[in-house]
N, C-alpha and C. Protein backbone atom coordinates (compact mmCIF):
# COMPACT_ATOMS: atom_id res chain seq x y z
N MET A 1 54.12 -16.56 337.78
CA MET A 1 54.56 -16.20 336.45
C MET A 1 53.80 -17.04 335.44
N GLU A 2 53.26 -16.36 334.44
CA GLU A 2 52.51 -17.02 333.38
C GLU A 2 53.47 -17.60 332.36
N SER A 3 53.22 -18.84 331.91
CA SER A 3 54.12 -19.49 330.97
C SER A 3 53.32 -20.31 329.97
N ASN A 4 53.84 -20.39 328.76
CA ASN A 4 53.27 -21.24 327.73
C ASN A 4 54.29 -22.34 327.47
N SER A 5 53.88 -23.60 327.59
CA SER A 5 54.83 -24.71 327.48
C SER A 5 55.21 -25.03 326.04
N GLU A 6 54.49 -24.49 325.06
CA GLU A 6 54.81 -24.76 323.66
C GLU A 6 55.56 -23.60 323.05
N LEU A 7 56.67 -23.90 322.41
CA LEU A 7 57.42 -22.88 321.69
C LEU A 7 56.87 -22.81 320.27
N SER A 8 56.32 -21.66 319.91
CA SER A 8 55.62 -21.52 318.64
C SER A 8 56.55 -21.58 317.42
N HIS A 9 57.85 -21.35 317.61
CA HIS A 9 58.76 -21.32 316.48
C HIS A 9 59.51 -22.63 316.26
N LEU A 10 59.01 -23.71 316.84
CA LEU A 10 59.58 -25.04 316.61
C LEU A 10 58.51 -25.93 316.01
N ASP A 11 58.91 -26.71 315.00
CA ASP A 11 57.94 -27.65 314.42
C ASP A 11 57.92 -28.93 315.26
N THR A 12 57.18 -29.92 314.82
CA THR A 12 57.02 -31.16 315.61
C THR A 12 58.31 -31.94 315.77
N LYS A 13 59.30 -31.64 314.93
CA LYS A 13 60.60 -32.32 315.02
C LYS A 13 61.65 -31.47 315.74
N GLY A 14 61.21 -30.34 316.29
CA GLY A 14 62.13 -29.48 317.03
C GLY A 14 62.97 -28.54 316.18
N ARG A 15 62.62 -28.42 314.91
CA ARG A 15 63.36 -27.52 314.01
C ARG A 15 62.73 -26.13 314.03
N SER A 16 63.56 -25.13 313.77
CA SER A 16 63.06 -23.75 313.69
C SER A 16 62.05 -23.65 312.56
N SER A 17 60.99 -22.89 312.81
CA SER A 17 59.92 -22.78 311.84
C SER A 17 59.21 -21.44 312.01
N MET A 18 58.88 -20.81 310.91
CA MET A 18 58.09 -19.58 310.97
C MET A 18 56.65 -19.95 311.28
N VAL A 19 56.03 -19.24 312.19
CA VAL A 19 54.66 -19.53 312.59
C VAL A 19 53.71 -19.19 311.44
N ASP A 20 52.77 -20.09 311.16
CA ASP A 20 51.76 -19.85 310.14
C ASP A 20 50.66 -18.99 310.76
N VAL A 21 50.54 -17.74 310.31
CA VAL A 21 49.54 -16.84 310.86
C VAL A 21 48.37 -16.66 309.89
N GLY A 22 48.35 -17.43 308.82
CA GLY A 22 47.34 -17.27 307.78
C GLY A 22 45.91 -17.39 308.24
N ASP A 23 45.64 -18.21 309.25
CA ASP A 23 44.27 -18.40 309.73
C ASP A 23 43.91 -17.48 310.90
N LYS A 24 44.86 -16.67 311.36
CA LYS A 24 44.58 -15.76 312.46
C LYS A 24 43.75 -14.57 311.98
N ASN A 25 42.96 -14.02 312.88
CA ASN A 25 42.16 -12.84 312.56
C ASN A 25 43.03 -11.59 312.54
N VAL A 26 42.71 -10.70 311.63
CA VAL A 26 43.36 -9.39 311.61
C VAL A 26 42.74 -8.57 312.73
N THR A 27 43.57 -8.13 313.66
CA THR A 27 43.12 -7.28 314.76
C THR A 27 44.12 -6.15 314.96
N ARG A 28 43.71 -5.17 315.69
CA ARG A 28 44.61 -4.07 316.07
C ARG A 28 45.59 -4.62 317.09
N ARG A 29 46.88 -4.48 316.83
CA ARG A 29 47.94 -4.97 317.71
C ARG A 29 48.77 -3.78 318.16
N GLU A 30 49.12 -3.77 319.44
CA GLU A 30 49.95 -2.70 319.98
C GLU A 30 50.91 -3.28 320.99
N ALA A 31 52.11 -2.73 321.06
CA ALA A 31 53.09 -3.16 322.05
C ALA A 31 53.94 -1.96 322.45
N GLU A 32 54.37 -2.00 323.71
CA GLU A 32 55.26 -0.96 324.24
C GLU A 32 56.41 -1.64 324.97
N ALA A 33 57.62 -1.18 324.67
CA ALA A 33 58.82 -1.72 325.31
C ALA A 33 59.64 -0.57 325.87
N GLU A 34 60.52 -0.90 326.81
CA GLU A 34 61.40 0.13 327.36
C GLU A 34 62.78 -0.43 327.63
N VAL A 35 63.74 0.48 327.74
CA VAL A 35 65.10 0.15 328.11
C VAL A 35 65.70 1.39 328.76
N ARG A 36 66.68 1.19 329.64
CA ARG A 36 67.33 2.31 330.31
C ARG A 36 68.79 2.41 329.85
N VAL A 37 69.24 3.66 329.67
CA VAL A 37 70.64 3.92 329.37
C VAL A 37 71.20 4.63 330.61
N VAL A 38 72.16 3.98 331.26
CA VAL A 38 72.67 4.44 332.56
C VAL A 38 74.04 5.08 332.38
N PHE A 39 74.15 6.31 332.86
CA PHE A 39 75.37 7.11 332.72
C PHE A 39 76.00 7.37 334.08
N PRO A 40 77.31 7.61 334.12
CA PRO A 40 77.92 8.09 335.36
C PRO A 40 77.37 9.49 335.69
N LYS A 41 77.18 9.76 336.96
CA LYS A 41 76.65 11.07 337.37
C LYS A 41 77.49 12.21 336.84
N GLU A 42 78.80 11.99 336.77
CA GLU A 42 79.72 13.06 336.35
C GLU A 42 79.45 13.56 334.94
N ILE A 43 78.96 12.72 334.05
CA ILE A 43 78.75 13.16 332.67
C ILE A 43 77.28 13.37 332.33
N PHE A 44 76.38 13.00 333.23
CA PHE A 44 74.95 13.10 332.92
C PHE A 44 74.54 14.56 332.70
N GLY A 45 75.12 15.47 333.45
CA GLY A 45 74.83 16.89 333.26
C GLY A 45 75.20 17.37 331.88
N GLN A 46 76.36 16.93 331.38
CA GLN A 46 76.78 17.29 330.02
C GLN A 46 75.78 16.76 328.99
N ILE A 47 75.31 15.56 329.22
CA ILE A 47 74.37 14.94 328.30
C ILE A 47 73.07 15.73 328.26
N LEU A 48 72.56 16.08 329.44
CA LEU A 48 71.31 16.83 329.50
C LEU A 48 71.46 18.23 328.89
N ALA A 49 72.65 18.81 329.03
CA ALA A 49 72.89 20.15 328.49
C ALA A 49 73.18 20.14 327.00
N GLY A 50 73.37 18.95 326.42
CA GLY A 50 73.66 18.85 324.99
C GLY A 50 75.10 19.18 324.63
N GLU A 51 75.98 19.11 325.62
CA GLU A 51 77.40 19.43 325.40
C GLU A 51 78.15 18.17 324.95
N LEU A 52 77.89 17.74 323.74
CA LEU A 52 78.45 16.48 323.26
C LEU A 52 79.24 16.68 321.97
N PRO A 53 80.27 15.85 321.77
CA PRO A 53 81.06 15.97 320.54
C PRO A 53 80.24 15.76 319.27
N LYS A 54 79.20 14.93 319.33
CA LYS A 54 78.41 14.62 318.13
C LYS A 54 77.11 15.42 318.07
N GLY A 55 76.92 16.39 318.97
CA GLY A 55 75.71 17.21 318.94
C GLY A 55 74.57 16.57 319.70
N GLY A 56 73.34 17.01 319.39
CA GLY A 56 72.15 16.50 320.06
C GLY A 56 71.97 15.01 319.86
N LEU A 57 71.41 14.35 320.87
CA LEU A 57 71.29 12.90 320.75
C LEU A 57 69.88 12.36 320.62
N VAL A 58 68.89 13.09 321.03
CA VAL A 58 67.55 12.51 321.04
C VAL A 58 67.03 12.26 319.63
N GLU A 59 67.15 13.21 318.73
CA GLU A 59 66.59 13.01 317.38
C GLU A 59 67.27 11.86 316.62
N PRO A 60 68.60 11.76 316.61
CA PRO A 60 69.18 10.59 315.93
C PRO A 60 68.73 9.27 316.56
N ALA A 61 68.61 9.23 317.88
CA ALA A 61 68.15 8.00 318.55
C ALA A 61 66.72 7.67 318.17
N ARG A 62 65.87 8.67 318.13
CA ARG A 62 64.47 8.44 317.76
C ARG A 62 64.37 7.90 316.33
N ILE A 63 65.08 8.53 315.41
CA ILE A 63 65.02 8.09 314.01
C ILE A 63 65.58 6.68 313.86
N ALA A 64 66.69 6.40 314.53
CA ALA A 64 67.29 5.05 314.46
C ALA A 64 66.31 4.01 315.00
N GLY A 65 65.65 4.31 316.11
CA GLY A 65 64.68 3.37 316.69
C GLY A 65 63.51 3.13 315.76
N ILE A 66 63.00 4.18 315.15
CA ILE A 66 61.88 4.04 314.21
C ILE A 66 62.31 3.21 313.00
N GLN A 67 63.48 3.50 312.46
CA GLN A 67 63.98 2.71 311.33
C GLN A 67 64.11 1.24 311.70
N ALA A 68 64.60 0.97 312.90
CA ALA A 68 64.79 -0.42 313.35
C ALA A 68 63.47 -1.17 313.44
N THR A 69 62.40 -0.50 313.89
CA THR A 69 61.11 -1.19 313.99
C THR A 69 60.68 -1.71 312.63
N LYS A 70 60.96 -0.93 311.60
CA LYS A 70 60.53 -1.30 310.24
C LYS A 70 61.39 -2.40 309.63
N ARG A 71 62.53 -2.69 310.27
CA ARG A 71 63.45 -3.71 309.72
C ARG A 71 63.59 -4.92 310.63
N THR A 72 62.71 -5.03 311.60
CA THR A 72 62.82 -6.11 312.59
C THR A 72 62.87 -7.48 311.94
N SER A 73 62.05 -7.72 310.94
CA SER A 73 62.02 -9.06 310.32
C SER A 73 63.33 -9.38 309.60
N GLU A 74 64.14 -8.38 309.29
CA GLU A 74 65.45 -8.62 308.70
C GLU A 74 66.49 -8.99 309.76
N LEU A 75 66.22 -8.62 311.00
CA LEU A 75 67.17 -8.85 312.09
C LEU A 75 66.84 -10.09 312.92
N ILE A 76 65.57 -10.36 313.11
CA ILE A 76 65.10 -11.50 313.91
C ILE A 76 64.59 -12.54 312.91
N PRO A 77 65.29 -13.66 312.76
CA PRO A 77 65.06 -14.56 311.62
C PRO A 77 63.62 -15.04 311.40
N LEU A 78 62.85 -15.29 312.43
CA LEU A 78 61.53 -15.89 312.22
C LEU A 78 60.38 -14.89 312.40
N CYS A 79 60.70 -13.60 312.49
CA CYS A 79 59.66 -12.57 312.57
C CYS A 79 59.02 -12.35 311.21
N HIS A 80 57.71 -12.13 311.24
CA HIS A 80 57.01 -11.79 310.01
C HIS A 80 57.24 -10.32 309.69
N PRO A 81 57.39 -9.98 308.41
CA PRO A 81 57.44 -8.56 308.06
C PRO A 81 56.07 -7.94 308.30
N LEU A 82 56.05 -6.78 308.94
CA LEU A 82 54.78 -6.14 309.27
C LEU A 82 54.71 -4.75 308.67
N ASN A 83 53.51 -4.36 308.30
CA ASN A 83 53.24 -2.97 307.92
C ASN A 83 52.80 -2.25 309.18
N LEU A 84 53.68 -1.43 309.72
CA LEU A 84 53.36 -0.72 310.95
C LEU A 84 52.48 0.49 310.66
N ASP A 85 51.48 0.69 311.51
CA ASP A 85 50.66 1.89 311.42
C ASP A 85 51.39 3.06 312.09
N ILE A 86 52.13 2.76 313.15
CA ILE A 86 52.90 3.78 313.83
C ILE A 86 54.04 3.13 314.61
N ALA A 87 55.14 3.85 314.68
CA ALA A 87 56.26 3.50 315.56
C ALA A 87 56.70 4.80 316.21
N GLU A 88 56.68 4.83 317.52
CA GLU A 88 57.00 6.05 318.25
C GLU A 88 58.10 5.75 319.26
N ILE A 89 59.10 6.61 319.31
CA ILE A 89 60.20 6.50 320.27
C ILE A 89 60.16 7.73 321.17
N VAL A 90 60.19 7.51 322.47
CA VAL A 90 60.24 8.58 323.45
C VAL A 90 61.52 8.39 324.27
N VAL A 91 62.31 9.44 324.37
CA VAL A 91 63.53 9.43 325.18
C VAL A 91 63.37 10.52 326.23
N GLU A 92 63.45 10.13 327.50
CA GLU A 92 63.29 11.12 328.57
C GLU A 92 64.15 10.77 329.77
N LYS A 93 64.39 11.76 330.59
CA LYS A 93 65.14 11.56 331.82
C LYS A 93 64.32 10.63 332.72
N ALA A 94 65.00 9.66 333.32
CA ALA A 94 64.32 8.71 334.19
C ALA A 94 63.79 9.43 335.42
N PRO A 95 62.64 8.99 335.94
CA PRO A 95 62.11 9.62 337.15
C PRO A 95 62.99 9.32 338.36
N GLY A 96 62.93 10.20 339.34
CA GLY A 96 63.64 9.95 340.58
C GLY A 96 65.06 10.49 340.63
N GLY A 97 65.51 11.15 339.59
CA GLY A 97 66.83 11.76 339.62
C GLY A 97 68.00 10.86 339.30
N ALA A 98 67.75 9.61 338.92
CA ALA A 98 68.85 8.72 338.54
C ALA A 98 69.49 9.23 337.25
N PRO A 99 70.81 9.03 337.08
CA PRO A 99 71.48 9.48 335.85
C PRO A 99 71.21 8.52 334.69
N GLU A 100 69.98 8.48 334.26
CA GLU A 100 69.54 7.53 333.24
C GLU A 100 68.61 8.21 332.25
N LEU A 101 68.67 7.74 331.02
CA LEU A 101 67.66 8.09 330.04
C LEU A 101 66.79 6.85 329.84
N LEU A 102 65.51 7.07 329.85
CA LEU A 102 64.54 5.99 329.64
C LEU A 102 64.08 6.08 328.20
N VAL A 103 64.17 4.97 327.49
CA VAL A 103 63.75 4.90 326.09
C VAL A 103 62.52 3.99 326.02
N ARG A 104 61.44 4.52 325.45
CA ARG A 104 60.24 3.71 325.25
C ARG A 104 59.90 3.69 323.76
N CYS A 105 59.42 2.55 323.31
CA CYS A 105 59.00 2.40 321.91
C CYS A 105 57.60 1.82 321.90
N ILE A 106 56.71 2.46 321.17
CA ILE A 106 55.34 1.99 321.00
C ILE A 106 55.13 1.71 319.51
N CYS A 107 54.63 0.53 319.21
CA CYS A 107 54.32 0.14 317.83
C CYS A 107 52.88 -0.33 317.74
N CYS A 108 52.24 -0.01 316.62
CA CYS A 108 50.87 -0.46 316.36
C CYS A 108 50.76 -0.94 314.91
N THR A 109 49.90 -1.93 314.73
CA THR A 109 49.57 -2.40 313.39
C THR A 109 48.20 -3.05 313.43
N SER A 110 47.59 -3.20 312.29
CA SER A 110 46.40 -4.04 312.15
C SER A 110 46.88 -5.25 311.36
N GLY A 111 46.95 -6.39 312.02
CA GLY A 111 47.51 -7.55 311.36
C GLY A 111 47.18 -8.85 312.05
N ARG A 112 47.88 -9.90 311.64
CA ARG A 112 47.65 -11.26 312.13
C ARG A 112 48.64 -11.69 313.19
N THR A 113 49.65 -10.85 313.46
CA THR A 113 50.65 -11.19 314.47
C THR A 113 51.06 -9.92 315.20
N GLY A 114 51.58 -10.09 316.39
CA GLY A 114 51.87 -8.96 317.26
C GLY A 114 53.11 -8.17 316.89
N VAL A 115 53.29 -7.05 317.58
CA VAL A 115 54.39 -6.13 317.31
C VAL A 115 55.35 -6.02 318.49
N GLU A 116 55.37 -7.04 319.34
CA GLU A 116 56.27 -7.01 320.49
C GLU A 116 57.73 -6.90 320.08
N MET A 117 58.14 -7.69 319.10
CA MET A 117 59.54 -7.69 318.68
C MET A 117 59.91 -6.35 318.04
N GLU A 118 58.99 -5.75 317.32
CA GLU A 118 59.26 -4.44 316.73
C GLU A 118 59.47 -3.39 317.82
N ALA A 119 58.63 -3.41 318.84
CA ALA A 119 58.77 -2.45 319.94
C ALA A 119 60.09 -2.65 320.68
N MET A 120 60.44 -3.90 320.95
CA MET A 120 61.69 -4.16 321.66
C MET A 120 62.91 -3.82 320.81
N THR A 121 62.85 -4.10 319.52
CA THR A 121 63.95 -3.77 318.62
C THR A 121 64.12 -2.25 318.51
N GLY A 122 63.02 -1.54 318.39
CA GLY A 122 63.09 -0.08 318.31
C GLY A 122 63.71 0.53 319.56
N ALA A 123 63.30 0.07 320.73
CA ALA A 123 63.86 0.58 321.98
C ALA A 123 65.35 0.27 322.07
N ALA A 124 65.72 -0.96 321.71
CA ALA A 124 67.12 -1.38 321.80
C ALA A 124 68.02 -0.57 320.87
N VAL A 125 67.60 -0.37 319.64
CA VAL A 125 68.43 0.36 318.68
C VAL A 125 68.51 1.84 319.05
N ALA A 126 67.44 2.41 319.56
CA ALA A 126 67.50 3.80 320.02
C ALA A 126 68.51 3.92 321.17
N ALA A 127 68.49 2.95 322.09
CA ALA A 127 69.45 2.95 323.21
C ALA A 127 70.88 2.79 322.70
N LEU A 128 71.08 1.91 321.74
CA LEU A 128 72.42 1.74 321.16
C LEU A 128 72.90 3.02 320.49
N THR A 129 71.99 3.74 319.87
CA THR A 129 72.35 5.02 319.25
C THR A 129 72.75 6.04 320.32
N LEU A 130 72.03 6.06 321.43
CA LEU A 130 72.42 6.94 322.54
C LEU A 130 73.82 6.60 323.03
N TYR A 131 74.10 5.31 323.13
CA TYR A 131 75.45 4.89 323.53
C TYR A 131 76.48 5.40 322.51
N ASP A 132 76.22 5.18 321.25
CA ASP A 132 77.16 5.60 320.21
C ASP A 132 77.41 7.10 320.26
N MET A 133 76.37 7.87 320.52
CA MET A 133 76.49 9.33 320.55
C MET A 133 77.25 9.84 321.78
N THR A 134 77.34 9.00 322.84
CA THR A 134 77.93 9.46 324.10
C THR A 134 79.18 8.69 324.52
N LYS A 135 79.54 7.66 323.81
CA LYS A 135 80.66 6.81 324.23
C LYS A 135 81.99 7.54 324.29
N ALA A 136 82.13 8.65 323.59
CA ALA A 136 83.37 9.43 323.67
C ALA A 136 83.60 9.97 325.08
N LEU A 137 82.51 10.17 325.82
CA LEU A 137 82.62 10.68 327.19
C LEU A 137 82.99 9.60 328.18
N TYR A 138 82.50 8.37 327.93
CA TYR A 138 82.75 7.27 328.87
C TYR A 138 82.30 5.97 328.22
N LYS A 139 83.20 5.01 328.11
CA LYS A 139 82.89 3.73 327.43
C LYS A 139 82.02 2.81 328.28
N GLY A 140 81.94 3.07 329.59
CA GLY A 140 81.21 2.17 330.49
C GLY A 140 79.74 2.48 330.65
N ILE A 141 79.17 3.29 329.78
CA ILE A 141 77.73 3.54 329.81
C ILE A 141 77.02 2.19 329.65
N ARG A 142 75.96 1.99 330.41
CA ARG A 142 75.26 0.69 330.39
C ARG A 142 73.86 0.82 329.78
N ILE A 143 73.48 -0.21 329.06
CA ILE A 143 72.11 -0.35 328.55
C ILE A 143 71.50 -1.50 329.34
N GLU A 144 70.40 -1.21 330.06
CA GLU A 144 69.85 -2.20 330.98
C GLU A 144 68.33 -2.31 330.88
N GLY A 145 67.86 -3.48 331.20
CA GLY A 145 66.43 -3.68 331.45
C GLY A 145 65.52 -3.66 330.25
N LEU A 146 66.00 -4.08 329.08
CA LEU A 146 65.11 -4.14 327.93
C LEU A 146 63.97 -5.08 328.25
N ARG A 147 62.74 -4.59 328.11
CA ARG A 147 61.59 -5.44 328.43
C ARG A 147 60.33 -4.94 327.75
N LEU A 148 59.42 -5.87 327.59
CA LEU A 148 58.09 -5.56 327.09
C LEU A 148 57.28 -5.02 328.26
N LEU A 149 56.64 -3.87 328.08
CA LEU A 149 55.80 -3.30 329.13
C LEU A 149 54.35 -3.75 329.01
N ARG A 150 53.87 -3.80 327.76
CA ARG A 150 52.48 -4.19 327.54
C ARG A 150 52.29 -4.57 326.09
N LYS A 151 51.24 -5.34 325.86
CA LYS A 151 50.82 -5.68 324.50
C LYS A 151 49.32 -5.86 324.51
N SER A 152 48.72 -5.64 323.34
CA SER A 152 47.28 -5.85 323.22
C SER A 152 46.98 -6.36 321.82
N GLY A 153 45.81 -6.98 321.70
CA GLY A 153 45.36 -7.49 320.42
C GLY A 153 45.62 -8.97 320.26
N GLY A 154 44.97 -9.54 319.28
CA GLY A 154 45.16 -10.96 318.98
C GLY A 154 44.43 -11.86 319.95
N LYS A 155 44.65 -13.15 319.77
CA LYS A 155 43.96 -14.17 320.56
C LYS A 155 44.31 -14.07 322.05
N SER A 156 45.55 -13.74 322.36
CA SER A 156 45.96 -13.69 323.79
C SER A 156 45.53 -12.39 324.47
N GLY A 157 45.08 -11.40 323.72
CA GLY A 157 44.53 -10.19 324.31
C GLY A 157 45.55 -9.30 324.99
N GLU A 158 45.14 -8.76 326.13
CA GLU A 158 45.94 -7.78 326.87
C GLU A 158 46.97 -8.47 327.74
N TRP A 159 48.16 -7.88 327.83
CA TRP A 159 49.18 -8.32 328.75
C TRP A 159 49.93 -7.09 329.23
N THR A 160 50.21 -7.02 330.54
CA THR A 160 50.97 -5.92 331.12
C THR A 160 52.02 -6.49 332.05
N ALA A 161 53.24 -5.95 331.98
CA ALA A 161 54.33 -6.39 332.84
C ALA A 161 54.00 -6.05 334.30
N GLN A 162 54.47 -6.90 335.16
CA GLN A 162 54.27 -6.67 336.60
C GLN A 162 55.39 -5.87 337.18
């Protein structure tokens, strides 16, 4: 497992600090994150058929996720506000027949800092919206496995989850 021993958001006295990105090069930055929304088998068919009290769920989840990417710096205290070139949310049935929806968020920008937090925030909020839209059917729906899949750009370059 690759690790960096320095926490970039702490100053020399151990206090929280926003990272100074002023001297970093502007590069194309991209990140992709995913999360799974796990349903009981008994209600997954209803969800796929769109038989829900609140109507269709994919479009509200997509819009909520996109909105969240643009507001990440308001939610995560030390994130820099970014001008995103694109934020995309994809919601699809998980492969293999599991009763799950897979939510992926891809964000891109040309800037001095990465978009990993924006991608993870977008995926998380889209998943929370799916929960909100379906909780009337079953309160025990689970949101699992939020993670960064890949990132590119900047000094650290390419990274892909194992």
